[in-house]
Amino acid sequence: MFKSHRIKILFIALAASGVLFMTATTSRTQEQTAGSNMQMSADGMIASWPAKPQEVAKKTIAKYGQPNEVTATMLVWHNNGPWKRTVVYRDVVQHNFPMPHPDLLEQFIDYQVPVAKFSDLAAYDGSVIVERTKGVMSARCDKEEMNFLALNLANDIVTGKRSVKDARKFYAETAMAFMKGQMSPYTQSLQFQVPKGNVGDTDQPAQMMKMK
């Protein structure tokens, strides 16, 4: 009887192991299928996009892998590399500074801009976008290198390192040099420490006046 009991326990253990193995295998298969479906979804979606957005989308996928979200008009990555979020848009926005180009690659970081500096950033570059409540800042261009450049100079303005005029001049000169194959640290990575956690400014409730 004792031997029979041991055999029964062993059988139950082996069965449980089989279930665990099948569960783990099924989980891996589901993950692989989901990744494959996302790739098929992204590739199929951008196939009908205009040439430039399709080119940028493929380049971003090659660098950061498949996007986390796919829609008819955009691909979205979360927490990819130094970015809080990266979005490639199907529909472009024309931008003429420092030379005519389409804006379609937007990349976000956590960053708190003092209210007094909002006007300076708007004067510096209309494709640097600040959201005070969320505590995020983004740059939108057609190349990741130019987004690095735009945000590095935005930080220089906020910290008082450069004036708006100096930043625009440096941006134009560095962008022109980049087109000729000359690299600058400002186009290769963020040159400042990005804050960790929520840095949003939720403001204060208005003081409601008592009705007489």
N, C-alpha and C. Protein backbone atom coordinates (compact mmCIF):
# COMPACT_ATOMS: atom_id res chain seq x y z
N MET A 1 0.83 -1.21 0.00
CA MET A 1 0.00 0.00 0.00
C MET A 1 0.87 1.26 0.00
N PHE A 2 1.94 1.22 0.79
CA PHE A 2 2.84 2.39 0.86
C PHE A 2 3.46 2.68 -0.50
N LYS A 3 3.89 1.59 -1.18
CA LYS A 3 4.49 1.74 -2.51
C LYS A 3 3.47 2.32 -3.48
N SER A 4 2.23 1.85 -3.38
CA SER A 4 1.16 2.34 -4.25
C SER A 4 0.91 3.83 -4.01
N HIS A 5 0.97 4.24 -2.74
CA HIS A 5 0.75 5.64 -2.38
C HIS A 5 1.84 6.53 -2.96
N ARG A 6 3.11 6.02 -2.89
CA ARG A 6 4.23 6.79 -3.45
C ARG A 6 4.08 6.94 -4.96
N ILE A 7 3.66 5.86 -5.61
CA ILE A 7 3.45 5.93 -7.06
C ILE A 7 2.37 6.95 -7.40
N LYS A 8 1.32 6.97 -6.58
CA LYS A 8 0.22 7.93 -6.81
C LYS A 8 0.70 9.36 -6.68
N ILE A 9 1.52 9.62 -5.64
CA ILE A 9 2.06 10.97 -5.42
C ILE A 9 2.96 11.37 -6.58
N LEU A 10 3.81 10.42 -7.02
CA LEU A 10 4.71 10.70 -8.13
C LEU A 10 3.93 11.01 -9.40
N PHE A 11 2.85 10.26 -9.62
CA PHE A 11 2.01 10.48 -10.80
C PHE A 11 1.39 11.89 -10.77
N ILE A 12 0.91 12.27 -9.59
CA ILE A 12 0.29 13.61 -9.44
C ILE A 12 1.33 14.71 -9.68
N ALA A 13 2.56 14.48 -9.15
CA ALA A 13 3.62 15.48 -9.33
C ALA A 13 3.99 15.62 -10.80
N LEU A 14 4.10 14.47 -11.48
CA LEU A 14 4.44 14.51 -12.91
C LEU A 14 3.34 15.18 -13.71
N ALA A 15 2.11 14.91 -13.34
CA ALA A 15 0.98 15.53 -14.03
C ALA A 15 0.99 17.03 -13.84
N ALA A 16 1.27 17.46 -12.59
CA ALA A 16 1.32 18.90 -12.30
C ALA A 16 2.45 19.55 -13.09
N SER A 17 3.59 18.88 -13.17
CA SER A 17 4.72 19.42 -13.93
C SER A 17 4.34 19.57 -15.39
N GLY A 18 3.60 18.58 -15.89
CA GLY A 18 3.16 18.66 -17.28
C GLY A 18 2.25 19.83 -17.51
N VAL A 19 1.35 20.07 -16.56
CA VAL A 19 0.45 21.22 -16.67
C VAL A 19 1.23 22.52 -16.66
N LEU A 20 2.23 22.62 -15.74
CA LEU A 20 3.04 23.82 -15.66
C LEU A 20 3.82 24.03 -16.96
N PHE A 21 4.38 22.92 -17.49
CA PHE A 21 5.13 23.01 -18.73
C PHE A 21 4.23 23.48 -19.87
N MET A 22 3.04 22.88 -19.93
CA MET A 22 2.10 23.26 -20.99
C MET A 22 1.67 24.72 -20.84
N THR A 23 1.48 25.17 -19.58
CA THR A 23 1.10 26.56 -19.33
C THR A 23 2.19 27.51 -19.77
N ALA A 24 3.45 27.19 -19.39
CA ALA A 24 4.58 28.04 -19.77
C ALA A 24 4.74 28.07 -21.29
N THR A 25 4.59 26.88 -21.91
CA THR A 25 4.72 26.80 -23.37
C THR A 25 3.63 27.60 -24.05
N THR A 26 2.41 27.48 -23.53
CA THR A 26 1.28 28.22 -24.09
C THR A 26 1.49 29.71 -23.95
N SER A 27 2.02 30.14 -22.77
CA SER A 27 2.28 31.57 -22.54
C SER A 27 3.30 32.10 -23.53
N ARG A 28 4.39 31.33 -23.72
CA ARG A 28 5.42 31.76 -24.67
C ARG A 28 4.85 31.83 -26.09
N THR A 29 4.04 30.84 -26.43
CA THR A 29 3.43 30.81 -27.76
C THR A 29 2.53 32.01 -27.97
N GLN A 30 1.75 32.34 -26.92
CA GLN A 30 0.85 33.50 -27.01
C GLN A 30 1.64 34.79 -27.19
N GLU A 31 2.76 34.92 -26.44
CA GLU A 31 3.60 36.11 -26.56
C GLU A 31 4.19 36.22 -27.96
N GLN A 32 4.67 35.07 -28.48
CA GLN A 32 5.24 35.08 -29.81
C GLN A 32 4.19 35.42 -30.86
N THR A 33 2.98 34.86 -30.66
CA THR A 33 1.89 35.14 -31.59
C THR A 33 1.50 36.60 -31.55
N ALA A 34 1.44 37.17 -30.32
CA ALA A 34 1.09 38.58 -30.17
C ALA A 34 2.12 39.46 -30.85
N GLY A 35 3.42 39.12 -30.65
CA GLY A 35 4.48 39.89 -31.31
C GLY A 35 4.39 39.79 -32.81
N SER A 36 4.11 38.58 -33.30
CA SER A 36 3.99 38.38 -34.74
C SER A 36 2.80 39.14 -35.30
N ASN A 37 1.67 39.10 -34.55
CA ASN A 37 0.48 39.82 -34.99
C ASN A 37 0.71 41.31 -35.02
N MET A 38 1.46 41.83 -33.99
CA MET A 38 1.76 43.26 -33.96
C MET A 38 2.61 43.65 -35.15
N GLN A 39 3.61 42.79 -35.49
CA GLN A 39 4.46 43.07 -36.63
C GLN A 39 3.64 43.09 -37.92
N MET A 40 2.77 42.08 -38.06
CA MET A 40 1.92 42.03 -39.24
C MET A 40 1.00 43.24 -39.29
N SER A 41 0.49 43.63 -38.11
CA SER A 41 -0.41 44.78 -38.03
C SER A 41 0.31 46.07 -38.41
N ALA A 42 1.54 46.28 -37.85
CA ALA A 42 2.30 47.49 -38.14
C ALA A 42 2.71 47.53 -39.60
N ASP A 43 3.26 46.41 -40.10
CA ASP A 43 3.69 46.36 -41.49
C ASP A 43 2.52 46.58 -42.44
N GLY A 44 1.41 45.93 -42.14
CA GLY A 44 0.23 46.08 -43.00
C GLY A 44 -0.33 47.48 -42.97
N MET A 45 -0.28 48.11 -41.78
CA MET A 45 -0.85 49.45 -41.64
C MET A 45 -0.03 50.48 -42.40
N ILE A 46 1.30 50.43 -42.24
CA ILE A 46 2.12 51.47 -42.86
C ILE A 46 2.33 51.25 -44.35
N ALA A 47 1.92 50.08 -44.86
CA ALA A 47 2.10 49.79 -46.29
C ALA A 47 1.37 50.80 -47.17
N SER A 48 0.30 51.36 -46.64
CA SER A 48 -0.48 52.33 -47.42
C SER A 48 -0.13 53.77 -47.09
N TRP A 49 0.82 53.97 -46.18
CA TRP A 49 1.22 55.32 -45.80
C TRP A 49 2.04 55.97 -46.91
N PRO A 50 2.11 57.31 -46.94
CA PRO A 50 3.01 57.99 -47.88
C PRO A 50 4.46 57.58 -47.64
N ALA A 51 5.30 57.82 -48.64
CA ALA A 51 6.68 57.32 -48.62
C ALA A 51 7.47 57.78 -47.40
N LYS A 52 7.44 59.06 -47.06
CA LYS A 52 8.27 59.56 -45.96
C LYS A 52 7.84 59.00 -44.60
N PRO A 53 6.56 59.06 -44.24
CA PRO A 53 6.16 58.44 -42.97
C PRO A 53 6.47 56.95 -42.92
N GLN A 54 6.31 56.26 -44.04
CA GLN A 54 6.61 54.83 -44.09
C GLN A 54 8.10 54.59 -43.85
N GLU A 55 8.93 55.44 -44.43
CA GLU A 55 10.39 55.33 -44.24
C GLU A 55 10.77 55.53 -42.78
N VAL A 56 10.22 56.56 -42.16
CA VAL A 56 10.54 56.85 -40.76
C VAL A 56 10.00 55.76 -39.84
N ALA A 57 8.82 55.23 -40.14
CA ALA A 57 8.24 54.15 -39.34
C ALA A 57 9.13 52.92 -39.39
N LYS A 58 9.59 52.54 -40.57
CA LYS A 58 10.45 51.36 -40.71
C LYS A 58 11.78 51.56 -39.98
N LYS A 59 12.31 52.75 -40.05
CA LYS A 59 13.58 53.04 -39.38
C LYS A 59 13.41 52.96 -37.86
N THR A 60 12.28 53.46 -37.36
CA THR A 60 12.02 53.42 -35.92
C THR A 60 11.80 51.99 -35.45
N ILE A 61 11.11 51.20 -36.24
CA ILE A 61 10.89 49.79 -35.90
C ILE A 61 12.23 49.04 -35.87
N ALA A 62 13.09 49.35 -36.84
CA ALA A 62 14.40 48.69 -36.89
C ALA A 62 15.23 49.00 -35.65
N LYS A 63 15.07 50.20 -35.09
CA LYS A 63 15.87 50.59 -33.93
C LYS A 63 15.23 50.15 -32.62
N TYR A 64 13.91 50.31 -32.49
CA TYR A 64 13.25 50.09 -31.20
C TYR A 64 12.32 48.88 -31.16
N GLY A 65 12.23 48.14 -32.26
CA GLY A 65 11.34 47.00 -32.26
C GLY A 65 9.92 47.39 -32.60
N GLN A 66 9.02 46.43 -32.45
CA GLN A 66 7.63 46.66 -32.81
C GLN A 66 6.97 47.69 -31.87
N PRO A 67 6.07 48.51 -32.39
CA PRO A 67 5.40 49.51 -31.55
C PRO A 67 4.45 48.85 -30.56
N ASN A 68 4.13 49.57 -29.48
CA ASN A 68 3.18 49.09 -28.49
C ASN A 68 1.74 49.32 -28.93
N GLU A 69 1.56 50.31 -29.79
CA GLU A 69 0.21 50.61 -30.28
C GLU A 69 0.27 50.88 -31.78
N VAL A 70 -0.74 50.39 -32.48
CA VAL A 70 -0.83 50.59 -33.93
C VAL A 70 -2.23 51.08 -34.27
N THR A 71 -2.32 52.21 -34.95
CA THR A 71 -3.61 52.69 -35.45
C THR A 71 -3.45 53.04 -36.92
N ALA A 72 -4.52 53.47 -37.53
CA ALA A 72 -4.47 53.82 -38.95
C ALA A 72 -3.60 55.04 -39.21
N THR A 73 -3.40 55.86 -38.19
CA THR A 73 -2.69 57.13 -38.40
C THR A 73 -1.41 57.28 -37.60
N MET A 74 -1.10 56.31 -36.73
CA MET A 74 0.13 56.45 -35.94
C MET A 74 0.62 55.13 -35.38
N LEU A 75 1.93 55.08 -35.11
CA LEU A 75 2.55 53.99 -34.35
C LEU A 75 3.09 54.60 -33.07
N VAL A 76 2.96 53.89 -31.95
CA VAL A 76 3.36 54.44 -30.66
C VAL A 76 4.24 53.44 -29.91
N TRP A 77 5.36 53.94 -29.40
CA TRP A 77 6.25 53.17 -28.53
C TRP A 77 6.25 53.81 -27.15
N HIS A 78 6.30 53.01 -26.09
CA HIS A 78 6.37 53.53 -24.72
C HIS A 78 7.71 53.15 -24.10
N ASN A 79 8.34 54.13 -23.44
CA ASN A 79 9.60 53.89 -22.72
C ASN A 79 10.63 53.21 -23.60
N ASN A 80 10.84 53.75 -24.78
CA ASN A 80 11.85 53.20 -25.70
C ASN A 80 13.11 54.06 -25.65
N GLY A 81 14.22 53.44 -25.27
CA GLY A 81 15.47 54.19 -25.15
C GLY A 81 15.32 55.31 -24.13
N PRO A 82 15.73 56.53 -24.49
CA PRO A 82 15.65 57.64 -23.55
C PRO A 82 14.27 58.30 -23.51
N TRP A 83 13.34 57.79 -24.30
CA TRP A 83 12.06 58.47 -24.50
C TRP A 83 10.95 57.92 -23.61
N LYS A 84 10.13 58.80 -23.12
CA LYS A 84 8.90 58.39 -22.42
C LYS A 84 7.92 57.80 -23.42
N ARG A 85 7.89 58.41 -24.60
CA ARG A 85 7.00 57.95 -25.65
C ARG A 85 7.53 58.42 -27.00
N THR A 86 7.35 57.60 -28.02
CA THR A 86 7.70 57.96 -29.39
C THR A 86 6.48 57.70 -30.26
N VAL A 87 6.16 58.66 -31.12
CA VAL A 87 5.03 58.52 -32.03
C VAL A 87 5.48 58.84 -33.45
N VAL A 88 5.16 57.94 -34.37
CA VAL A 88 5.34 58.22 -35.80
C VAL A 88 3.95 58.43 -36.40
N TYR A 89 3.74 59.59 -37.00
CA TYR A 89 2.44 59.92 -37.57
C TYR A 89 2.40 59.68 -39.07
N ARG A 90 1.26 59.23 -39.53
CA ARG A 90 1.05 59.09 -40.98
C ARG A 90 0.95 60.47 -41.63
N ASP A 91 0.24 61.37 -40.96
CA ASP A 91 -0.02 62.70 -41.51
C ASP A 91 1.05 63.67 -41.01
N VAL A 92 1.69 64.35 -41.93
CA VAL A 92 2.81 65.21 -41.58
C VAL A 92 2.35 66.65 -41.39
N VAL A 93 3.19 67.41 -40.67
CA VAL A 93 2.99 68.85 -40.49
C VAL A 93 4.20 69.53 -41.12
N GLN A 94 3.96 70.44 -42.02
CA GLN A 94 5.07 71.13 -42.68
C GLN A 94 5.74 72.12 -41.72
N HIS A 95 7.07 72.10 -41.71
CA HIS A 95 7.84 72.97 -40.82
C HIS A 95 9.01 73.53 -41.62
N ASN A 96 9.22 74.82 -41.56
CA ASN A 96 10.24 75.45 -42.41
C ASN A 96 11.51 75.87 -41.69
N PHE A 97 11.59 75.62 -40.38
CA PHE A 97 12.82 75.97 -39.65
C PHE A 97 13.58 74.71 -39.30
N PRO A 98 14.88 74.65 -39.48
CA PRO A 98 15.73 75.69 -40.10
C PRO A 98 15.73 75.61 -41.63
N MET A 99 15.07 74.55 -42.18
CA MET A 99 14.88 74.39 -43.61
C MET A 99 13.57 73.62 -43.79
N PRO A 100 12.92 73.74 -44.91
CA PRO A 100 11.64 73.03 -45.09
C PRO A 100 11.77 71.51 -44.91
N HIS A 101 10.88 70.95 -44.10
CA HIS A 101 10.87 69.51 -43.85
C HIS A 101 9.52 69.13 -43.25
N PRO A 102 9.16 67.84 -43.29
CA PRO A 102 7.90 67.41 -42.66
C PRO A 102 8.12 66.99 -41.21
N ASP A 103 7.25 67.41 -40.33
CA ASP A 103 7.26 66.94 -38.94
C ASP A 103 6.36 65.71 -38.84
N LEU A 104 6.90 64.58 -38.41
CA LEU A 104 6.09 63.37 -38.27
C LEU A 104 6.58 62.42 -37.19
N LEU A 105 7.76 62.70 -36.61
CA LEU A 105 8.32 61.87 -35.54
C LEU A 105 8.35 62.70 -34.27
N GLU A 106 7.49 62.37 -33.31
CA GLU A 106 7.42 63.13 -32.06
C GLU A 106 7.90 62.26 -30.91
N GLN A 107 8.82 62.83 -30.09
CA GLN A 107 9.39 62.08 -28.98
C GLN A 107 9.32 62.89 -27.70
N PHE A 108 8.90 62.23 -26.63
CA PHE A 108 8.53 62.89 -25.38
C PHE A 108 9.50 62.53 -24.26
N ILE A 109 9.68 63.49 -23.34
CA ILE A 109 10.41 63.24 -22.10
C ILE A 109 9.65 63.90 -20.95
N ASP A 110 9.89 63.41 -19.73
CA ASP A 110 9.37 64.10 -18.55
C ASP A 110 10.22 65.36 -18.34
N TYR A 111 9.55 66.50 -18.19
CA TYR A 111 10.32 67.74 -18.03
C TYR A 111 9.36 68.83 -17.55
N GLN A 112 9.78 69.57 -16.54
CA GLN A 112 8.97 70.68 -16.03
C GLN A 112 9.56 72.01 -16.48
N VAL A 113 8.80 72.74 -17.25
CA VAL A 113 9.23 74.04 -17.74
C VAL A 113 8.60 75.13 -16.88
N PRO A 114 9.41 76.03 -16.32
CA PRO A 114 8.84 77.15 -15.57
C PRO A 114 7.91 77.98 -16.48
N VAL A 115 6.82 78.43 -15.93
CA VAL A 115 5.84 79.17 -16.73
C VAL A 115 6.49 80.37 -17.42
N ALA A 116 7.43 81.01 -16.78
CA ALA A 116 8.09 82.18 -17.35
C ALA A 116 8.89 81.86 -18.60
N LYS A 117 9.19 80.58 -18.82
CA LYS A 117 10.00 80.18 -19.98
C LYS A 117 9.17 79.69 -21.16
N PHE A 118 7.86 79.58 -21.00
CA PHE A 118 7.02 79.06 -22.08
C PHE A 118 7.11 79.92 -23.33
N SER A 119 7.09 81.23 -23.17
CA SER A 119 7.15 82.12 -24.33
C SER A 119 8.48 82.00 -25.06
N ASP A 120 9.56 81.84 -24.29
CA ASP A 120 10.87 81.68 -24.91
C ASP A 120 10.93 80.42 -25.76
N LEU A 121 10.37 79.32 -25.24
CA LEU A 121 10.40 78.07 -25.99
C LEU A 121 9.53 78.17 -27.24
N ALA A 122 8.41 78.87 -27.13
CA ALA A 122 7.55 79.06 -28.30
C ALA A 122 8.25 79.88 -29.37
N ALA A 123 9.01 80.88 -28.95
CA ALA A 123 9.75 81.72 -29.90
C ALA A 123 10.93 80.96 -30.50
N TYR A 124 11.48 80.04 -29.74
CA TYR A 124 12.64 79.26 -30.19
C TYR A 124 12.26 78.28 -31.29
N ASP A 125 11.23 77.46 -31.05
CA ASP A 125 10.89 76.41 -32.02
C ASP A 125 9.45 75.97 -31.79
N GLY A 126 8.59 76.20 -32.78
CA GLY A 126 7.19 75.83 -32.66
C GLY A 126 6.94 74.34 -32.62
N SER A 127 7.96 73.54 -32.92
CA SER A 127 7.80 72.09 -32.87
C SER A 127 8.38 71.49 -31.59
N VAL A 128 8.72 72.34 -30.64
CA VAL A 128 8.99 71.90 -29.28
C VAL A 128 7.73 72.21 -28.49
N ILE A 129 7.11 71.16 -27.95
CA ILE A 129 5.78 71.28 -27.36
C ILE A 129 5.85 70.95 -25.88
N VAL A 130 5.31 71.85 -25.06
CA VAL A 130 5.36 71.67 -23.61
C VAL A 130 3.94 71.52 -23.07
N GLU A 131 3.74 70.52 -22.21
CA GLU A 131 2.47 70.33 -21.53
C GLU A 131 2.70 70.50 -20.04
N ARG A 132 2.25 71.63 -19.53
CA ARG A 132 2.52 71.99 -18.15
C ARG A 132 1.88 71.03 -17.15
N THR A 133 0.61 70.70 -17.36
CA THR A 133 -0.10 69.85 -16.40
C THR A 133 0.51 68.44 -16.35
N LYS A 134 0.83 67.88 -17.49
CA LYS A 134 1.42 66.55 -17.54
C LYS A 134 2.89 66.54 -17.13
N GLY A 135 3.56 67.67 -17.31
CA GLY A 135 4.99 67.70 -17.01
C GLY A 135 5.81 66.99 -18.06
N VAL A 136 5.44 67.16 -19.34
CA VAL A 136 6.18 66.54 -20.43
C VAL A 136 6.54 67.60 -21.47
N MET A 137 7.62 67.31 -22.18
CA MET A 137 8.05 68.16 -23.29
C MET A 137 8.39 67.24 -24.45
N SER A 138 8.06 67.66 -25.65
CA SER A 138 8.35 66.83 -26.81
C SER A 138 8.94 67.67 -27.92
N ALA A 139 9.60 66.97 -28.84
CA ALA A 139 10.09 67.60 -30.06
C ALA A 139 9.55 66.79 -31.23
N ARG A 140 9.18 67.48 -32.30
CA ARG A 140 8.60 66.81 -33.46
C ARG A 140 9.35 67.24 -34.71
N CYS A 141 9.94 66.26 -35.40
CA CYS A 141 10.70 66.53 -36.61
C CYS A 141 10.59 65.31 -37.53
N ASP A 142 11.56 65.13 -38.42
CA ASP A 142 11.55 63.92 -39.26
C ASP A 142 12.73 63.00 -38.96
N LYS A 143 13.57 63.42 -38.01
CA LYS A 143 14.74 62.62 -37.63
C LYS A 143 14.91 62.66 -36.11
N GLU A 144 15.27 61.53 -35.53
CA GLU A 144 15.50 61.47 -34.09
C GLU A 144 16.65 62.40 -33.69
N GLU A 145 17.67 62.49 -34.52
CA GLU A 145 18.82 63.35 -34.21
C GLU A 145 18.39 64.80 -34.03
N MET A 146 17.45 65.25 -34.85
CA MET A 146 16.97 66.63 -34.73
C MET A 146 16.09 66.82 -33.50
N ASN A 147 15.42 65.75 -33.07
CA ASN A 147 14.66 65.85 -31.82
C ASN A 147 15.60 65.97 -30.62
N PHE A 148 16.71 65.22 -30.65
CA PHE A 148 17.72 65.39 -29.61
C PHE A 148 18.21 66.83 -29.59
N LEU A 149 18.54 67.35 -30.76
CA LEU A 149 19.05 68.71 -30.87
C LEU A 149 18.05 69.72 -30.34
N ALA A 150 16.80 69.57 -30.74
CA ALA A 150 15.76 70.52 -30.32
C ALA A 150 15.57 70.53 -28.81
N LEU A 151 15.56 69.35 -28.19
CA LEU A 151 15.32 69.28 -26.75
C LEU A 151 16.56 69.70 -25.95
N ASN A 152 17.75 69.40 -26.45
CA ASN A 152 18.96 69.85 -25.76
C ASN A 152 19.02 71.38 -25.73
N LEU A 153 18.65 72.00 -26.82
CA LEU A 153 18.66 73.47 -26.86
C LEU A 153 17.52 74.06 -26.05
N ALA A 154 16.38 73.36 -26.01
CA ALA A 154 15.28 73.82 -25.15
C ALA A 154 15.74 73.82 -23.69
N ASN A 155 16.46 72.80 -23.29
CA ASN A 155 16.99 72.75 -21.93
C ASN A 155 17.99 73.88 -21.69
N ASP A 156 18.80 74.19 -22.70
CA ASP A 156 19.74 75.30 -22.56
C ASP A 156 19.01 76.62 -22.32
N ILE A 157 17.88 76.80 -23.00
CA ILE A 157 17.10 78.03 -22.82
C ILE A 157 16.49 78.07 -21.43
N VAL A 158 15.90 76.97 -20.99
CA VAL A 158 15.25 76.91 -19.68
C VAL A 158 16.26 77.16 -18.55
N THR A 159 17.46 76.62 -18.70
CA THR A 159 18.47 76.74 -17.64
C THR A 159 19.30 78.02 -17.76
N GLY A 160 19.01 78.83 -18.78
CA GLY A 160 19.70 80.11 -18.93
C GLY A 160 21.06 80.02 -19.61
N LYS A 161 21.38 78.88 -20.19
CA LYS A 161 22.66 78.71 -20.85
C LYS A 161 22.72 79.44 -22.19
N ARG A 162 21.58 79.51 -22.86
CA ARG A 162 21.51 80.20 -24.16
C ARG A 162 20.26 81.07 -24.23
N SER A 163 20.35 82.10 -25.04
CA SER A 163 19.18 82.91 -25.36
C SER A 163 18.43 82.24 -26.51
N VAL A 164 17.23 82.71 -26.78
CA VAL A 164 16.45 82.18 -27.90
C VAL A 164 17.22 82.38 -29.20
N LYS A 165 17.80 83.55 -29.39
CA LYS A 165 18.55 83.85 -30.61
C LYS A 165 19.75 82.91 -30.76
N ASP A 166 20.49 82.72 -29.68
CA ASP A 166 21.66 81.83 -29.72
C ASP A 166 21.24 80.39 -30.02
N ALA A 167 20.15 79.96 -29.42
CA ALA A 167 19.68 78.58 -29.62
C ALA A 167 19.27 78.35 -31.07
N ARG A 168 18.56 79.31 -31.66
CA ARG A 168 18.13 79.16 -33.05
C ARG A 168 19.34 79.15 -34.00
N LYS A 169 20.32 79.96 -33.69
CA LYS A 169 21.53 80.00 -34.52
C LYS A 169 22.28 78.67 -34.42
N PHE A 170 22.44 78.18 -33.18
CA PHE A 170 23.14 76.91 -32.98
C PHE A 170 22.38 75.77 -33.64
N TYR A 171 21.05 75.78 -33.53
CA TYR A 171 20.23 74.75 -34.15
C TYR A 171 20.46 74.72 -35.66
N ALA A 172 20.36 75.88 -36.30
CA ALA A 172 20.51 75.96 -37.75
C ALA A 172 21.89 75.49 -38.19
N GLU A 173 22.92 75.95 -37.51
CA GLU A 173 24.29 75.59 -37.88
C GLU A 173 24.54 74.09 -37.67
N THR A 174 24.03 73.55 -36.56
CA THR A 174 24.25 72.14 -36.26
C THR A 174 23.46 71.23 -37.20
N ALA A 175 22.25 71.66 -37.55
CA ALA A 175 21.44 70.89 -38.49
C ALA A 175 22.09 70.86 -39.87
N MET A 176 22.61 72.00 -40.31
CA MET A 176 23.28 72.07 -41.62
C MET A 176 24.53 71.17 -41.62
N ALA A 177 25.28 71.21 -40.52
CA ALA A 177 26.48 70.38 -40.41
C ALA A 177 26.10 68.90 -40.41
N PHE A 178 24.99 68.56 -39.75
CA PHE A 178 24.53 67.17 -39.71
C PHE A 178 24.21 66.67 -41.11
N MET A 179 23.60 67.51 -41.92
CA MET A 179 23.26 67.12 -43.28
C MET A 179 24.51 66.83 -44.12
N LYS A 180 25.63 67.40 -43.69
CA LYS A 180 26.90 67.17 -44.38
C LYS A 180 27.69 66.02 -43.75
N GLY A 181 27.09 65.33 -42.78
CA GLY A 181 27.74 64.19 -42.15
C GLY A 181 28.54 64.52 -40.91
N GLN A 182 28.46 65.77 -40.42
CA GLN A 182 29.20 66.16 -39.21
C GLN A 182 28.30 65.97 -37.99
N MET A 183 28.80 65.23 -37.01
CA MET A 183 28.01 64.91 -35.82
C MET A 183 28.36 65.82 -34.66
N SER A 184 27.34 66.10 -33.85
CA SER A 184 27.51 66.87 -32.62
C SER A 184 26.91 66.07 -31.48
N PRO A 185 27.46 66.16 -30.27
CA PRO A 185 26.84 65.48 -29.13
C PRO A 185 25.37 65.87 -28.97
N TYR A 186 25.02 67.08 -29.39
CA TYR A 186 23.65 67.55 -29.25
C TYR A 186 22.67 66.79 -30.15
N THR A 187 23.18 66.11 -31.18
CA THR A 187 22.30 65.33 -32.06
C THR A 187 22.33 63.84 -31.76
N GLN A 188 23.15 63.44 -30.80
CA GLN A 188 23.34 62.01 -30.55
C GLN A 188 22.62 61.50 -29.30
N SER A 189 22.40 62.37 -28.34
CA SER A 189 21.73 61.94 -27.11
C SER A 189 21.33 63.18 -26.31
N LEU A 190 20.50 62.97 -25.30
CA LEU A 190 20.14 64.07 -24.41
C LEU A 190 21.35 64.43 -23.55
N GLN A 191 21.67 65.72 -23.49
CA GLN A 191 22.86 66.18 -22.79
C GLN A 191 22.53 66.69 -21.38
N PHE A 192 21.42 66.23 -20.85
CA PHE A 192 21.02 66.63 -19.49
C PHE A 192 20.28 65.46 -18.85
N GLN A 193 20.16 65.50 -17.54
CA GLN A 193 19.50 64.43 -16.79
C GLN A 193 17.99 64.63 -16.84
N VAL A 194 17.30 63.64 -17.36
CA VAL A 194 15.83 63.71 -17.41
C VAL A 194 15.29 63.35 -16.03
N PRO A 195 14.38 64.15 -15.48
CA PRO A 195 13.84 63.85 -14.14
C PRO A 195 13.08 62.53 -14.14
N LYS A 196 13.09 61.86 -13.02
CA LYS A 196 12.38 60.59 -12.88
C LYS A 196 11.07 60.82 -12.13
N GLY A 197 10.03 60.17 -12.59
CA GLY A 197 8.74 60.30 -11.92
C GLY A 197 7.93 61.47 -12.45
N ASN A 198 6.79 61.67 -11.83
CA ASN A 198 5.85 62.70 -12.27
C ASN A 198 6.35 64.09 -11.89
N VAL A 199 6.51 64.95 -12.89
CA VAL A 199 6.94 66.33 -12.62
C VAL A 199 5.88 67.31 -13.13
N GLY A 200 4.66 66.83 -13.25
CA GLY A 200 3.58 67.68 -13.74
C GLY A 200 3.22 68.78 -12.75
N ASP A 201 2.66 69.84 -13.28
CA ASP A 201 2.20 70.98 -12.48
C ASP A 201 0.68 71.00 -12.55
N THR A 202 0.02 70.49 -11.52
CA THR A 202 -1.44 70.40 -11.53
C THR A 202 -2.12 71.70 -11.15
N ASP A 203 -1.34 72.74 -10.86
CA ASP A 203 -1.88 74.08 -10.57
C ASP A 203 -2.65 74.07 -9.26
N GLN A 204 -3.40 75.15 -8.98
CA GLN A 204 -4.14 75.30 -7.73
C GLN A 204 -5.61 75.57 -8.03
N PRO A 205 -6.51 75.08 -7.17
CA PRO A 205 -7.93 75.40 -7.35
C PRO A 205 -8.17 76.90 -7.25
N ALA A 206 -9.07 77.39 -8.06
CA ALA A 206 -9.40 78.82 -8.00
C ALA A 206 -10.17 79.10 -6.71
N GLN A 207 -9.94 80.30 -6.15
CA GLN A 207 -10.67 80.73 -4.97
C GLN A 207 -12.01 81.33 -5.42
N MET A 208 -13.06 80.60 -5.16
CA MET A 208 -14.38 81.04 -5.61
C MET A 208 -14.91 82.15 -4.70
N MET A 209 -15.37 83.20 -5.30
CA MET A 209 -15.92 84.32 -4.53
C MET A 209 -17.33 83.97 -4.06
N LYS A 210 -17.64 84.34 -2.84
CA LYS A 210 -18.98 84.10 -2.31
C LYS A 210 -19.97 85.04 -2.97
N MET A 211 -21.07 84.47 -3.38
CA MET A 211 -22.13 85.28 -4.00
C MET A 211 -22.88 86.03 -2.90
N LYS A 212 -23.09 87.33 -3.12
CA LYS A 212 -23.83 88.13 -2.13
C LYS A 212 -25.34 87.98 -2.37
